[in-house]
């Protein structure tokens, strides 16, 4: 499926492991519009992040099987509203 998607985006199969394919996939991601709705940690915000895993200003890759997921901006707003009422 990835090979066909790469072909559809004009990326030759010999270039499957290149940033060009990653950027093309990102540019055509139908879920990309939801990204701005979440707080996504940056490597520069994380203490103890090995610089080998990315640029200091880059976004972290978020993997955590025991998590509720990334905090959404909407959830933060709603929680803050309830906390303000509680005070």
C-alpha atoms as a PDB file:
ATOM      1  CA  UNK A   1       0.000   0.000   0.000  1.00  0.00           C
ATOM      2  CA  UNK A   2       2.821   2.415   0.851  1.00  0.00           C
ATOM      3  CA  UNK A   3       4.535   1.664  -2.456  1.00  0.00           C
ATOM      4  CA  UNK A   4       1.316   2.486  -4.347  1.00  0.00           C
ATOM      5  CA  UNK A   5       0.824   5.666  -2.313  1.00  0.00           C
ATOM      6  CA  UNK A   6       4.403   6.709  -3.073  1.00  0.00           C
ATOM      7  CA  UNK A   7       3.806   6.092  -6.787  1.00  0.00           C
ATOM      8  CA  UNK A   8       0.572   8.118  -6.632  1.00  0.00           C
ATOM      9  CA  UNK A   9       2.568  10.987  -5.086  1.00  0.00           C
ATOM     10  CA  UNK A  10       5.261  10.719  -7.763  1.00  0.00           C
ATOM     11  CA  UNK A  11       7.930   9.240  -5.463  1.00  0.00           C
ATOM     12  CA  UNK A  12       9.869   6.339  -7.057  1.00  0.00           C
ATOM     13  CA  UNK A  13       9.956   3.134  -4.973  1.00  0.00           C
ATOM     14  CA  UNK A  14      13.759   3.450  -4.787  1.00  0.00           C
ATOM     15  CA  UNK A  15      13.211   6.612  -2.728  1.00  0.00           C
ATOM     16  CA  UNK A  16      10.926   5.016  -0.111  1.00  0.00           C
ATOM     17  CA  UNK A  17      13.268   5.836   2.781  1.00  0.00           C
ATOM     18  CA  UNK A  18      13.773   9.493   2.018  1.00  0.00           C
ATOM     19  CA  UNK A  19      12.522  12.692   3.620  1.00  0.00           C
ATOM     20  CA  UNK A  20      10.831  13.461   0.270  1.00  0.00           C
ATOM     21  CA  UNK A  21       8.348  10.626   0.818  1.00  0.00           C
ATOM     22  CA  UNK A  22       7.754  11.634   4.437  1.00  0.00           C
ATOM     23  CA  UNK A  23       7.081  15.235   3.403  1.00  0.00           C
ATOM     24  CA  UNK A  24       4.782  14.125   0.574  1.00  0.00           C
ATOM     25  CA  UNK A  25       2.821  11.892   2.944  1.00  0.00           C
ATOM     26  CA  UNK A  26       2.559  14.712   5.491  1.00  0.00           C
ATOM     27  CA  UNK A  27       1.364  17.136   2.809  1.00  0.00           C
ATOM     28  CA  UNK A  28      -1.405  14.693   1.812  1.00  0.00           C
ATOM     29  CA  UNK A  29      -2.439  13.624   5.318  1.00  0.00           C
ATOM     30  CA  UNK A  30      -6.195  14.040   5.686  1.00  0.00           C
ATOM     31  CA  UNK A  31      -5.858  14.141   9.490  1.00  0.00           C
ATOM     32  CA  UNK A  32      -3.219  16.901   9.537  1.00  0.00           C
ATOM     33  CA  UNK A  33      -5.891  19.494  10.310  1.00  0.00           C
ATOM     34  CA  UNK A  34      -6.333  17.965  13.764  1.00  0.00           C
ATOM     35  CA  UNK A  35      -2.665  18.373  14.744  1.00  0.00           C
ATOM     36  CA  UNK A  36      -3.064  21.958  15.941  1.00  0.00           C
ATOM     37  CA  UNK A  37      -5.793  20.838  18.359  1.00  0.00           C
ATOM     38  CA  UNK A  38      -3.253  19.073  20.615  1.00  0.00           C
ATOM     39  CA  UNK A  39      -0.243  20.007  22.682  1.00  0.00           C
ATOM     40  CA  UNK A  40       2.630  18.139  21.027  1.00  0.00           C
ATOM     41  CA  UNK A  41       5.823  18.128  23.083  1.00  0.00           C
ATOM     42  CA  UNK A  42       8.986  19.439  21.484  1.00  0.00           C
ATOM     43  CA  UNK A  43      12.356  17.898  22.164  1.00  0.00           C
ATOM     44  CA  UNK A  44      13.545  21.267  23.501  1.00  0.00           C
ATOM     45  CA  UNK A  45      10.805  21.061  26.176  1.00  0.00           C
ATOM     46  CA  UNK A  46      11.859  17.618  27.360  1.00  0.00           C
ATOM     47  CA  UNK A  47      14.660  17.278  29.875  1.00  0.00           C
ATOM     48  CA  UNK A  48      17.043  14.428  29.252  1.00  0.00           C
ATOM     49  CA  UNK A  49      16.190  13.970  25.570  1.00  0.00           C
ATOM     50  CA  UNK A  50      19.170  12.615  23.701  1.00  0.00           C
ATOM     51  CA  UNK A  51      20.011  15.140  20.919  1.00  0.00           C
ATOM     52  CA  UNK A  52      20.733  12.190  18.647  1.00  0.00           C
ATOM     53  CA  UNK A  53      16.976  11.666  18.398  1.00  0.00           C
ATOM     54  CA  UNK A  54      16.292  14.950  16.659  1.00  0.00           C
ATOM     55  CA  UNK A  55      16.896  18.643  16.485  1.00  0.00           C
ATOM     56  CA  UNK A  56      16.443  20.597  19.688  1.00  0.00           C
ATOM     57  CA  UNK A  57      13.521  22.534  18.205  1.00  0.00           C
ATOM     58  CA  UNK A  58      11.903  19.470  16.620  1.00  0.00           C
ATOM     59  CA  UNK A  59       8.730  17.770  17.754  1.00  0.00           C
ATOM     60  CA  UNK A  60       8.964  14.650  19.880  1.00  0.00           C
ATOM     61  CA  UNK A  61       7.577  11.390  18.595  1.00  0.00           C
ATOM     62  CA  UNK A  62       4.900  10.486  21.107  1.00  0.00           C
ATOM     63  CA  UNK A  63       4.563   6.794  21.926  1.00  0.00           C
ATOM     64  CA  UNK A  64       2.986   5.742  25.201  1.00  0.00           C
ATOM     65  CA  UNK A  65       0.747   2.708  25.469  1.00  0.00           C
ATOM     66  CA  UNK A  66      -0.287   3.541  29.046  1.00  0.00           C
ATOM     67  CA  UNK A  67      -1.496   7.030  28.308  1.00  0.00           C
ATOM     68  CA  UNK A  68      -4.712   8.849  27.593  1.00  0.00           C
ATOM     69  CA  UNK A  69      -2.867  10.416  24.670  1.00  0.00           C
ATOM     70  CA  UNK A  70      -1.802  13.952  24.002  1.00  0.00           C
ATOM     71  CA  UNK A  71      -3.597  16.710  25.874  1.00  0.00           C
ATOM     72  CA  UNK A  72      -6.090  18.451  23.623  1.00  0.00           C
ATOM     73  CA  UNK A  73      -6.399  22.213  23.741  1.00  0.00           C
ATOM     74  CA  UNK A  74     -10.163  21.838  24.148  1.00  0.00           C
ATOM     75  CA  UNK A  75      -9.743  19.590  27.177  1.00  0.00           C
ATOM     76  CA  UNK A  76      -7.378  22.069  28.787  1.00  0.00           C
ATOM     77  CA  UNK A  77      -9.882  24.878  28.238  1.00  0.00           C
ATOM     78  CA  UNK A  78     -12.804  22.857  29.616  1.00  0.00           C
ATOM     79  CA  UNK A  79     -10.813  21.700  32.652  1.00  0.00           C
ATOM     80  CA  UNK A  80      -9.702  25.249  33.399  1.00  0.00           C
ATOM     81  CA  UNK A  81     -13.322  26.444  33.181  1.00  0.00           C
ATOM     82  CA  UNK A  82     -14.419  23.775  35.681  1.00  0.00           C
ATOM     83  CA  UNK A  83     -11.538  24.526  38.034  1.00  0.00           C
ATOM     84  CA  UNK A  84     -12.431  28.226  37.938  1.00  0.00           C
ATOM     85  CA  UNK A  85     -16.030  27.357  38.890  1.00  0.00           C
ATOM     86  CA  UNK A  86     -14.781  25.142  41.703  1.00  0.00           C
ATOM     87  CA  UNK A  87     -12.709  27.938  43.260  1.00  0.00           C
END
